[in-house]
Amino acid sequence: MPFWTNVTTAIVCVRVS
């Protein structure tokens, strides 16, 4: 599921920032 993975990665990136 590339879409779900992309969303999860985006959320993680925002949280890490």
N, C-alpha and C. Protein backbone atom coordinates (compact mmCIF):
# COMPACT_ATOMS: atom_id res chain seq x y z
N MET A 1 0.84 -1.21 0.00
CA MET A 1 0.00 0.00 0.00
C MET A 1 0.88 1.26 0.00
N PRO A 2 1.32 1.68 -1.18
CA PRO A 2 2.20 2.84 -1.28
C PRO A 2 1.55 4.11 -0.77
N PHE A 3 0.23 4.24 -1.01
CA PHE A 3 -0.46 5.47 -0.58
C PHE A 3 -0.43 5.56 0.94
N TRP A 4 -0.84 4.51 1.63
CA TRP A 4 -0.86 4.52 3.10
C TRP A 4 0.54 4.75 3.65
N THR A 5 1.53 4.12 3.01
CA THR A 5 2.92 4.29 3.46
C THR A 5 3.35 5.75 3.29
N ASN A 6 2.93 6.36 2.20
CA ASN A 6 3.27 7.76 1.95
C ASN A 6 2.67 8.66 3.02
N VAL A 7 1.41 8.40 3.37
CA VAL A 7 0.73 9.21 4.39
C VAL A 7 1.45 9.04 5.72
N THR A 8 1.77 7.80 6.08
CA THR A 8 2.46 7.55 7.35
C THR A 8 3.80 8.26 7.38
N THR A 9 4.54 8.19 6.28
CA THR A 9 5.85 8.84 6.21
C THR A 9 5.71 10.35 6.38
N ALA A 10 4.69 10.92 5.76
CA ALA A 10 4.48 12.37 5.86
C ALA A 10 4.18 12.76 7.30
N ILE A 11 3.33 11.98 7.97
CA ILE A 11 2.99 12.28 9.37
C ILE A 11 4.23 12.18 10.24
N VAL A 12 5.03 11.16 10.03
CA VAL A 12 6.26 10.98 10.81
C VAL A 12 7.20 12.16 10.58
N CYS A 13 7.34 12.57 9.33
CA CYS A 13 8.22 13.71 9.02
C CYS A 13 7.75 14.97 9.73
N VAL A 14 6.45 15.20 9.73
CA VAL A 14 5.92 16.39 10.39
C VAL A 14 6.14 16.30 11.90
N ARG A 15 5.97 15.12 12.47
CA ARG A 15 6.13 14.96 13.92
C ARG A 15 7.61 15.12 14.30
N VAL A 16 8.50 14.64 13.46
CA VAL A 16 9.93 14.74 13.76
C VAL A 16 10.36 16.21 13.71
N SER A 17 9.81 16.95 12.78
CA SER A 17 10.21 18.37 12.64
C SER A 17 10.00 19.11 13.96
